Protein backbone atom coordinates (compact mmCIF):
# COMPACT_ATOMS: atom_id res chain seq x y z
CA UNK A 1 -28.04 -11.89 14.10
CA UNK A 2 -28.77 -15.38 12.79
CA UNK A 3 -31.66 -14.08 10.69
CA UNK A 4 -29.50 -11.35 9.19
CA UNK A 5 -26.76 -13.64 7.89
CA UNK A 6 -28.82 -15.31 5.09
CA UNK A 7 -30.13 -11.90 3.96
CA UNK A 8 -26.59 -10.53 3.83
CA UNK A 9 -25.40 -13.55 1.85
CA UNK A 10 -28.34 -13.19 -0.56
CA UNK A 11 -27.58 -9.49 -1.06
CA UNK A 12 -23.90 -10.20 -1.68
CA UNK A 13 -24.74 -12.92 -4.18
CA UNK A 14 -27.10 -10.59 -6.04
CA UNK A 15 -24.53 -7.75 -6.17
CA UNK A 16 -21.70 -10.02 -7.34
CA UNK A 17 -23.97 -11.83 -9.80
CA UNK A 18 -25.09 -8.56 -11.38
CA UNK A 19 -21.50 -7.33 -11.64
CA UNK A 20 -20.30 -10.64 -13.10
CA UNK A 21 -23.02 -10.49 -15.75
CA UNK A 22 -21.97 -6.96 -16.69
CA UNK A 23 -18.32 -8.08 -16.85
CA UNK A 24 -19.30 -10.96 -19.12
CA UNK A 25 -21.11 -8.54 -21.47
CA UNK A 26 -18.05 -6.27 -21.45
CA UNK A 27 -15.78 -9.16 -22.47
CA UNK A 28 -18.18 -9.95 -25.31
CA UNK A 29 -17.82 -6.38 -26.57
CA UNK A 30 -21.40 -5.36 -25.82
CA UNK A 31 -20.43 -2.37 -23.67
CA UNK A 32 -18.56 0.84 -24.44
CA UNK A 33 -14.89 1.37 -23.63
CA UNK A 34 -15.55 3.72 -20.71
CA UNK A 35 -18.19 1.41 -19.19
CA UNK A 36 -15.88 -1.58 -19.65
CA UNK A 37 -12.98 0.20 -17.96
CA UNK A 38 -15.20 1.14 -15.03
CA UNK A 39 -16.42 -2.44 -14.62
CA UNK A 40 -12.91 -3.87 -14.50
CA UNK A 41 -11.63 -1.16 -12.15
CA UNK A 42 -11.35 -2.03 -8.49
CA UNK A 43 -8.56 -4.43 -7.46
CA UNK A 44 -5.68 -2.03 -8.16
CA UNK A 45 -7.56 0.85 -6.56
CA UNK A 46 -8.04 -1.16 -3.37
CA UNK A 47 -4.39 -2.27 -3.37
CA UNK A 48 -3.17 1.27 -4.10
CA UNK A 49 -4.29 2.53 -0.69
CA UNK A 50 -1.41 0.51 0.76
CA UNK A 51 0.94 2.86 -1.12
CA UNK A 52 -0.43 6.01 0.49
CA UNK A 53 -0.87 4.78 4.05
CA UNK A 54 0.27 6.71 7.18
CA UNK A 55 3.70 5.04 6.95
CA UNK A 56 4.18 7.03 3.76
CA UNK A 57 3.20 10.20 5.58
CA UNK A 58 5.89 9.57 8.21
CA UNK A 59 8.74 8.72 5.82
CA UNK A 60 7.81 11.35 3.22
CA UNK A 61 7.51 14.17 5.77
CA UNK A 62 10.92 13.31 7.20
CA UNK A 63 12.42 13.05 3.72
CA UNK A 64 11.09 16.43 2.60
CA UNK A 65 11.77 18.29 5.84
CA UNK A 66 15.32 16.98 6.33
CA UNK A 67 16.58 16.56 2.77
CA UNK A 68 14.36 18.81 0.69
CA UNK A 69 13.74 17.36 -2.75
CA UNK A 70 16.85 15.12 -2.66
CA UNK A 71 14.97 11.84 -2.13
CA UNK A 72 12.21 12.41 -4.69
CA UNK A 73 13.98 9.97 -7.02
CA UNK A 74 13.62 7.24 -4.36
CA UNK A 75 9.85 7.81 -4.27
CA UNK A 76 9.67 7.61 -8.07
CA UNK A 77 11.79 4.45 -8.23
CA UNK A 78 9.76 2.79 -5.50
CA UNK A 79 6.53 3.60 -7.32
CA UNK A 80 7.80 2.16 -10.62
CA UNK A 81 8.85 -1.04 -8.85
CA UNK A 82 5.41 -1.16 -7.21
CA UNK A 83 3.65 -0.83 -10.57
CA UNK A 84 5.59 -3.73 -12.02
CA UNK A 85 5.02 -6.12 -9.14
CA UNK A 86 1.36 -5.23 -8.67
CA UNK A 87 0.83 -5.92 -12.37
CA UNK A 88 2.59 -9.28 -12.05
CA UNK A 89 0.52 -10.15 -8.99
CA UNK A 90 -2.71 -9.30 -10.80
CA UNK A 91 -1.65 -11.38 -13.78
CA UNK A 92 -0.89 -14.37 -11.55
CA UNK A 93 -4.38 -14.26 -10.02
CA UNK A 94 -6.12 -13.83 -13.37
CA UNK A 95 -4.23 -16.57 -15.20
CA UNK A 96 -4.02 -19.24 -12.48
CA UNK A 97 -7.13 -18.53 -10.41
CA UNK A 98 -4.87 -18.70 -7.34
CA UNK A 99 -3.45 -15.96 -5.17
CA UNK A 100 0.25 -15.69 -4.40
CA UNK A 101 -0.02 -17.23 -0.92
CA UNK A 102 -1.91 -20.22 -2.32
CA UNK A 103 0.69 -20.70 -5.03
CA UNK A 104 3.44 -20.69 -2.41
CA UNK A 105 1.59 -23.33 -0.40
CA UNK A 106 1.11 -25.53 -3.47
CA UNK A 107 4.63 -25.29 -4.91
CA UNK A 108 7.10 -24.66 -2.07
CA UNK A 109 8.31 -27.10 0.63
CA UNK A 110 6.31 -26.94 3.85
CA UNK A 111 9.16 -25.40 5.98
CA UNK A 112 9.47 -22.60 3.41
CA UNK A 113 5.71 -22.06 3.42
CA UNK A 114 5.55 -21.81 7.21
CA UNK A 115 8.54 -19.44 7.28
CA UNK A 116 6.95 -17.21 4.65
CA UNK A 117 3.67 -17.21 6.57
CA UNK A 118 5.36 -16.18 9.84
CA UNK A 119 7.32 -13.42 8.08
CA UNK A 120 4.13 -12.28 6.34
CA UNK A 121 2.27 -12.13 9.65
CA UNK A 122 5.06 -10.03 11.18
CA UNK A 123 4.89 -7.74 8.15
CA UNK A 124 1.09 -7.57 8.52
CA UNK A 125 1.47 -6.44 12.13
CA UNK A 126 4.07 -3.84 11.11
CA UNK A 127 1.67 -2.69 8.40
CA UNK A 128 -1.23 -2.39 10.79
CA UNK A 129 0.97 -0.55 13.28
CA UNK A 130 1.55 2.18 10.71
CA UNK A 131 -2.00 2.30 9.38
CA UNK A 132 -3.75 2.08 12.71
CA UNK A 133 -1.49 4.61 14.43
CA UNK A 134 -1.85 7.03 11.51
CA UNK A 135 -5.64 7.05 11.66
CA UNK A 136 -5.53 7.34 15.45
CA UNK A 137 -3.12 10.30 15.33
CA UNK A 138 -5.36 12.09 12.83
CA UNK A 139 -8.54 11.56 14.86
CA UNK A 140 -6.85 12.51 18.14
CA UNK A 141 -5.59 15.76 16.63
CA UNK A 142 -8.97 16.53 15.02
CA UNK A 143 -11.04 15.93 18.15
CA UNK A 144 -8.33 16.90 20.70
CA UNK A 145 -8.59 13.51 22.38
CA UNK A 146 -5.94 11.20 23.87
CA UNK A 147 -4.19 8.97 21.37
CA UNK A 148 -5.63 5.83 22.97
CA UNK A 149 -9.14 7.21 22.44
CA UNK A 150 -8.26 7.97 18.83
CA UNK A 151 -7.12 4.37 18.44
CA UNK A 152 -10.41 3.07 19.82
CA UNK A 153 -12.39 5.28 17.43
CA UNK A 154 -10.22 4.15 14.51
CA UNK A 155 -10.89 0.52 15.45
CA UNK A 156 -14.66 1.07 15.50
CA UNK A 157 -14.73 2.90 12.15
CA UNK A 158 -12.45 0.34 10.50
CA UNK A 159 -14.56 -2.56 11.70
CA UNK A 160 -17.66 -0.80 10.37
CA UNK A 161 -16.09 -0.44 6.92
CA UNK A 162 -15.01 -4.10 6.96
CA UNK A 163 -18.66 -5.14 7.39
CA UNK A 164 -19.33 -3.99 3.82
CA UNK A 165 -17.06 -6.77 2.59
CA UNK A 166 -19.92 -9.15 3.32
CA UNK A 167 -21.93 -7.46 0.54
CA UNK A 168 -19.45 -8.50 -2.14
CA UNK A 169 -16.38 -6.91 -3.69
CA UNK A 170 -18.03 -3.85 -5.28
CA UNK A 171 -19.15 -1.92 -2.16
CA UNK A 172 -15.73 -2.14 -0.50
CA UNK A 173 -14.06 -1.10 -3.77
CA UNK A 174 -16.28 1.99 -3.96
CA UNK A 175 -15.55 2.94 -0.34
CA UNK A 176 -11.78 2.57 -0.74
CA UNK A 177 -11.88 4.33 -4.11
CA UNK A 178 -13.64 7.29 -2.48
CA UNK A 179 -10.93 7.42 0.21
CA UNK A 180 -8.19 7.39 -2.44
CA UNK A 181 -9.95 10.27 -4.23
CA UNK A 182 -10.11 12.30 -1.01
CA UNK A 183 -6.40 11.80 -0.31
CA UNK A 184 -5.39 12.72 -3.88
CA UNK A 185 -7.62 15.81 -3.87
CA UNK A 186 -6.16 16.92 -0.54
CA UNK A 187 -2.65 16.90 -1.98
CA UNK A 188 -3.70 18.75 -5.11
CA UNK A 189 -4.90 21.46 -2.74
CA UNK A 190 -1.66 21.28 -0.69
CA UNK A 191 0.45 21.89 -3.80
CA UNK A 192 -1.47 25.09 -4.51
CA UNK A 193 -0.93 26.29 -0.94
CA UNK A 194 2.72 25.30 -0.47
CA UNK A 195 5.58 27.26 -2.11
CA UNK A 196 7.40 24.84 -4.43
CA UNK A 197 10.68 25.12 -6.37
CA UNK A 198 9.49 23.08 -9.33
CA UNK A 199 12.82 23.19 -11.19
CA UNK A 200 14.70 21.74 -8.22
CA UNK A 201 12.00 19.15 -7.66
CA UNK A 202 12.27 18.02 -11.29
CA UNK A 203 16.06 17.71 -11.11
CA UNK A 204 16.00 15.62 -7.93
CA UNK A 205 13.27 13.40 -9.34
CA UNK A 206 15.59 12.33 -12.17
CA UNK A 207 19.10 12.38 -10.66
CA UNK A 208 19.84 9.98 -7.75
CA UNK A 209 21.40 11.30 -4.57
CA UNK A 210 21.75 9.87 -1.04
CA UNK A 211 23.35 12.61 1.09
CA UNK A 212 24.29 10.54 4.15
CA UNK A 213 23.73 7.31 6.09
CA UNK A 214 20.52 8.60 7.67
CA UNK A 215 19.19 9.35 4.21
CA UNK A 216 19.94 5.72 3.30
CA UNK A 217 17.90 4.49 6.27
CA UNK A 218 15.08 6.81 5.26
CA UNK A 219 15.31 5.59 1.65
CA UNK A 220 14.84 2.00 2.84
CA UNK A 221 11.85 3.21 4.84
CA UNK A 222 10.40 4.90 1.75
CA UNK A 223 10.81 1.67 -0.22
CA UNK A 224 9.14 -0.26 2.61
CA UNK A 225 6.32 2.27 2.84
CA UNK A 226 5.73 2.23 -0.92
CA UNK A 227 6.23 -1.35 -2.11
CA UNK A 228 4.12 -3.20 0.44
CA UNK A 229 4.38 -6.99 0.97
CA UNK A 230 0.70 -7.39 1.84
CA UNK A 231 -0.32 -5.40 -1.25
CA UNK A 232 1.71 -7.75 -3.47
CA UNK A 233 -0.16 -10.71 -1.95
CA UNK A 234 -3.51 -8.91 -1.99
CA UNK A 235 -3.59 -7.94 -5.66
CA UNK A 236 -3.54 -11.57 -6.81
CA UNK A 237 -6.34 -12.40 -4.35
CA UNK A 238 -8.52 -9.53 -5.54
CA UNK A 239 -8.26 -10.62 -9.19
CA UNK A 240 -8.34 -14.41 -8.82
CA UNK A 241 -12.08 -14.90 -8.44
CA UNK A 242 -13.55 -11.65 -9.75
CA UNK A 243 -15.26 -13.62 -12.51
CA UNK A 244 -14.78 -17.08 -14.10
CA UNK A 245 -12.68 -16.88 -17.27
CA UNK A 246 -13.30 -19.56 -19.87
CA UNK A 247 -10.29 -19.31 -22.19
CA UNK A 248 -6.98 -17.56 -22.83
CA UNK A 249 -8.60 -14.94 -25.03
CA UNK A 250 -10.71 -13.74 -22.10
CA UNK A 251 -7.72 -13.92 -19.78
CA UNK A 252 -5.72 -11.79 -22.21
CA UNK A 253 -8.43 -9.11 -22.26
CA UNK A 254 -8.71 -9.06 -18.46
CA UNK A 255 -4.92 -8.91 -18.04
CA UNK A 256 -4.82 -5.95 -20.42
CA UNK A 257 -7.54 -4.11 -18.48
CA UNK A 258 -5.78 -4.97 -15.21
CA UNK A 259 -2.44 -3.57 -16.39
CA UNK A 260 -4.10 -0.30 -17.35
CA UNK A 261 -5.80 -0.04 -13.98
CA UNK A 262 -2.56 -0.76 -12.12
CA UNK A 263 -0.75 1.98 -14.05
CA UNK A 264 -3.49 4.55 -13.40
CA UNK A 265 -4.08 3.64 -9.74
CA UNK A 266 -0.39 3.56 -8.81
CA UNK A 267 0.35 6.69 -10.84
CA UNK A 268 -2.17 8.46 -8.59
CA UNK A 269 -0.56 6.92 -5.51
CA UNK A 270 2.87 7.95 -6.81
CA UNK A 271 1.65 11.52 -7.33
CA UNK A 272 0.40 11.63 -3.74
CA UNK A 273 3.70 10.31 -2.36
CA UNK A 274 5.76 12.79 -4.35
CA UNK A 275 3.37 15.58 -3.38
CA UNK A 276 3.93 14.69 0.30
CA UNK A 277 7.70 15.12 -0.11
CA UNK A 278 7.26 18.33 -2.11
CA UNK A 279 4.86 19.75 0.47
CA UNK A 280 7.18 18.87 3.38
CA UNK A 281 10.17 20.32 1.53
CA UNK A 282 8.40 23.55 0.61
CA UNK A 283 6.88 24.02 4.05
CA UNK A 284 9.60 22.78 6.41
CA UNK A 285 13.04 22.33 4.81
CA UNK A 286 14.17 25.97 4.84
CA UNK A 287 13.42 26.77 8.49
CA UNK A 288 11.97 23.68 10.12
CA UNK A 289 14.16 20.81 8.92
CA UNK A 290 13.84 19.19 12.34
CA UNK A 291 10.15 18.40 11.75
CA UNK A 292 10.06 14.62 11.96
CA UNK A 293 6.69 13.81 13.51
CA UNK A 294 3.20 13.88 12.04
CA UNK A 295 1.88 15.80 15.06
CA UNK A 296 4.64 18.41 14.72
CA UNK A 297 4.02 18.74 11.00
CA UNK A 298 0.33 19.41 11.62
CA UNK A 299 1.01 21.97 14.35
CA UNK A 300 3.73 23.67 12.29
CA UNK A 301 1.60 23.94 9.14
CA UNK A 302 -0.96 26.20 10.83
CA UNK A 303 1.33 29.22 11.47
CA UNK A 304 3.29 28.63 8.24
CA UNK A 305 0.54 28.05 5.65
CA UNK A 306 -2.70 28.61 7.55
CA UNK A 307 -5.40 26.48 9.15
CA UNK A 308 -6.64 25.37 5.72
CA UNK A 309 -3.39 23.59 4.86
CA UNK A 310 -3.29 21.92 8.28
CA UNK A 311 -6.93 20.81 8.01
CA UNK A 312 -6.41 19.34 4.54
CA UNK A 313 -3.33 17.48 5.79
CA UNK A 314 -5.34 16.06 8.70
CA UNK A 315 -8.25 14.99 6.48
CA UNK A 316 -5.93 13.11 4.15
CA UNK A 317 -4.22 11.39 7.12
CA UNK A 318 -7.53 10.20 8.60
CA UNK A 319 -8.78 8.90 5.23
CA UNK A 320 -5.45 7.14 4.72
CA UNK A 321 -5.40 5.53 8.16
CA UNK A 322 -8.96 4.21 8.09
CA UNK A 323 -8.91 2.91 4.51
CA UNK A 324 -5.44 1.36 4.63
CA UNK A 325 -6.18 -0.30 7.97
CA UNK A 326 -9.29 -1.84 6.40
CA UNK A 327 -7.35 -3.13 3.41
CA UNK A 328 -4.55 -4.39 5.64
CA UNK A 329 -7.00 -6.54 7.58
CA UNK A 330 -8.43 -7.92 4.33
CA UNK A 331 -4.92 -8.78 3.15
CA UNK A 332 -4.06 -10.46 6.46
CA UNK A 333 -7.11 -12.71 6.18
CA UNK A 334 -6.22 -13.68 2.61
CA UNK A 335 -2.57 -14.36 3.47
CA UNK A 336 -3.45 -16.62 6.41
CA UNK A 337 -6.03 -18.54 4.41
CA UNK A 338 -3.66 -18.86 1.45
CA UNK A 339 -0.63 -20.11 3.38
CA UNK A 340 -2.24 -22.40 5.96
CA UNK A 341 -5.87 -22.84 4.78
CA UNK A 342 -7.14 -21.29 7.99
CA UNK A 343 -9.47 -18.35 8.47
CA UNK A 344 -10.43 -16.58 11.70
CA UNK A 345 -13.37 -14.21 12.34
CA UNK A 346 -12.65 -10.71 11.08
CA UNK A 347 -13.17 -9.20 14.57
CA UNK A 348 -10.50 -11.45 16.08
CA UNK A 349 -8.14 -10.67 13.19
CA UNK A 350 -8.73 -6.96 13.77
CA UNK A 351 -8.04 -7.27 17.51
CA UNK A 352 -4.84 -9.30 17.08
CA UNK A 353 -3.26 -6.93 14.56
CA UNK A 354 -4.17 -3.91 16.71
CA UNK A 355 -2.25 -5.17 19.74
CA UNK A 356 1.22 -3.92 18.65
CA UNK A 357 -0.15 -0.42 18.09
CA UNK A 358 -1.75 -0.32 21.54
CA UNK A 359 1.50 -1.66 23.04
CA UNK A 360 3.55 1.08 21.36
CA UNK A 361 1.30 3.80 22.77
CA UNK A 362 1.00 2.19 26.22
CA UNK A 363 4.81 1.94 26.51
CA UNK A 364 5.17 5.61 25.62
CA UNK A 365 7.10 5.07 22.39
CA UNK A 366 7.23 7.88 19.86
CA UNK A 367 4.39 7.23 17.40
CA UNK A 368 6.03 8.67 14.27
CA UNK A 369 9.38 6.96 14.94
CA UNK A 370 7.45 3.72 15.34
CA UNK A 371 5.84 4.35 11.95
CA UNK A 372 9.23 4.77 10.26
CA UNK A 373 10.67 1.67 11.94
CA UNK A 374 7.62 -0.34 10.85
CA UNK A 375 8.32 0.66 7.24
CA UNK A 376 11.91 -0.60 7.53
CA UNK A 377 10.56 -3.93 8.82
CA UNK A 378 8.28 -4.08 5.79
CA UNK A 379 11.17 -3.43 3.43
CA UNK A 380 13.13 -6.31 4.97
CA UNK A 381 10.10 -8.63 4.58
CA UNK A 382 9.45 -7.49 1.00
CA UNK A 383 11.95 -9.65 -0.96
CA UNK A 384 10.12 -12.91 -0.12
CA UNK A 385 6.86 -12.13 -1.99
CA UNK A 386 8.80 -10.34 -4.75
CA UNK A 387 11.05 -13.35 -5.41
CA UNK A 388 8.13 -15.80 -5.18
CA UNK A 389 6.06 -13.76 -7.61
CA UNK A 390 8.99 -13.55 -10.01
CA UNK A 391 9.48 -17.34 -9.87
CA UNK A 392 5.83 -18.18 -10.56
CA UNK A 393 5.21 -15.64 -13.33
CA UNK A 394 8.42 -16.75 -15.10
CA UNK A 395 7.39 -20.43 -15.24
CA UNK A 396 5.77 -21.42 -18.53
CA UNK A 397 4.22 -24.53 -16.97
CA UNK A 398 2.23 -22.23 -14.66
CA UNK A 399 1.58 -19.17 -16.82
CA UNK A 400 1.48 -20.68 -20.33
CA UNK A 401 1.47 -17.94 -22.96
CA UNK A 402 1.29 -15.32 -20.18
CA UNK A 403 4.81 -16.10 -18.94
CA UNK A 404 6.99 -13.04 -18.35
CA UNK A 405 8.73 -11.60 -21.38
CA UNK A 406 12.49 -11.16 -21.28
CA UNK A 407 12.11 -7.41 -20.77
CA UNK A 408 9.66 -7.92 -17.88
CA UNK A 409 11.96 -10.48 -16.32
CA UNK A 410 14.97 -8.14 -16.49
CA UNK A 411 12.98 -5.25 -15.02
CA UNK A 412 11.60 -7.41 -12.19
CA UNK A 413 15.08 -8.76 -11.42
CA UNK A 414 16.41 -5.21 -11.31
CA UNK A 415 13.65 -4.11 -8.92
CA UNK A 416 14.22 -7.09 -6.64
CA UNK A 417 17.97 -6.45 -6.67
CA UNK A 418 17.46 -2.81 -5.65
CA UNK A 419 15.36 -3.85 -2.66
CA UNK A 420 17.84 -6.56 -1.64
CA UNK A 421 20.83 -4.20 -1.88
CA UNK A 422 19.09 -1.52 0.18
CA UNK A 423 18.27 -4.12 2.82
CA UNK A 424 21.90 -5.31 2.91
CA UNK A 425 23.06 -1.71 3.37
CA UNK A 426 20.54 -1.29 6.18
CA UNK A 427 21.70 -4.44 7.98
CA UNK A 428 25.36 -3.40 7.67
CA UNK A 429 24.54 0.04 9.03
CA UNK A 430 22.60 -1.51 11.92
CA UNK A 431 25.70 -3.53 12.89
CA UNK A 432 27.89 -0.44 12.83
CA UNK A 433 29.54 -0.79 9.42
CA UNK A 434 30.32 2.71 8.11
CA UNK A 435 28.37 3.57 4.96
CA UNK A 436 29.65 6.07 2.36
CA UNK A 437 27.61 9.05 1.27
CA UNK A 438 26.41 9.10 -2.33
CA UNK A 439 26.47 12.65 -3.52
CA UNK A 440 24.68 13.69 -6.68
């Protein structure tokens, strides 16, 4: 093993050096537009897998099965908020050369920093609970094995993928990008198989409606499953050291490329999320509105739409679980190092974040319900990175000419307010305060 480490480092240095040289040529205008776009693609694609993780499967299936197309507008709103904050996170990393966690450590009082780190670690465990359980459920259904065995197999595959991180940023970006492509392709196929009322879907995408208090809880879960705290932290880390930028002109070009990539990557993720709701609505809402679990959805799809639809659903779930669990571990490492300047071996990090998932299964808790609850936890943790990001990107002394415009500031404030209000409603509901229905 000792003889392999220098070779791995040398390979990683060569790969990153070659990519950095190509990026430098692209900034100088010596490469075509398509080649330049390809070179700068990667960070948003990696972060986007967090927006189509198994937690999304759980919340979107319940939303479509129980409420039809009624909550499609929540998915759209969540995705638009995600686009904005991922773009801001990328801009922070590009302009400052620091990730969001590092900026918090440098600018906030120590008690605030430690509180944010603890909350972020709890959110990371909730994230890994969803991602790890999702991959395990998919593998256990595919190979007809116990869920614990599926979890062990997921752990082995995820750790294997994480080893590619030692070869530099490009290999892991290509692996995750391939997984995103598989998931998106699976849902293109699902939409051709599933009967869809496109007119009704379009109406509910535009006009807000929350039928009852349970729909409100599910809406908070959708927000938590879509706008992910660790993805907000991660995006700034993926862009901060991609290549050294020498002046504001280069930063402006990279920010522009980054914004385009964020829009494209999260538009694809948004399509997948909406397709999940549409598929669940078309397949289950009319006669199987009680479908609330991933396992039930898989078993119900076979007699309703055929083995092909069920197999495609399972393939997308496995790809989602493995890739998002990999990215979640990467984000956890970056968050810990950013907040407290401490890094642990990737294997130990992987083992620690897996423990809650194993505990859930060992205690006999319902896996899909645990996924939904984990997304609510994420939504409650979300305002901290959102507010921090908004503070930093709105400070001229930090961002210079890249400070948020008035329109961006208003939009970001609106997105943060939506998340905060939904969380307040959730807390009130949890303590037994009656919530009104919002009919559309």
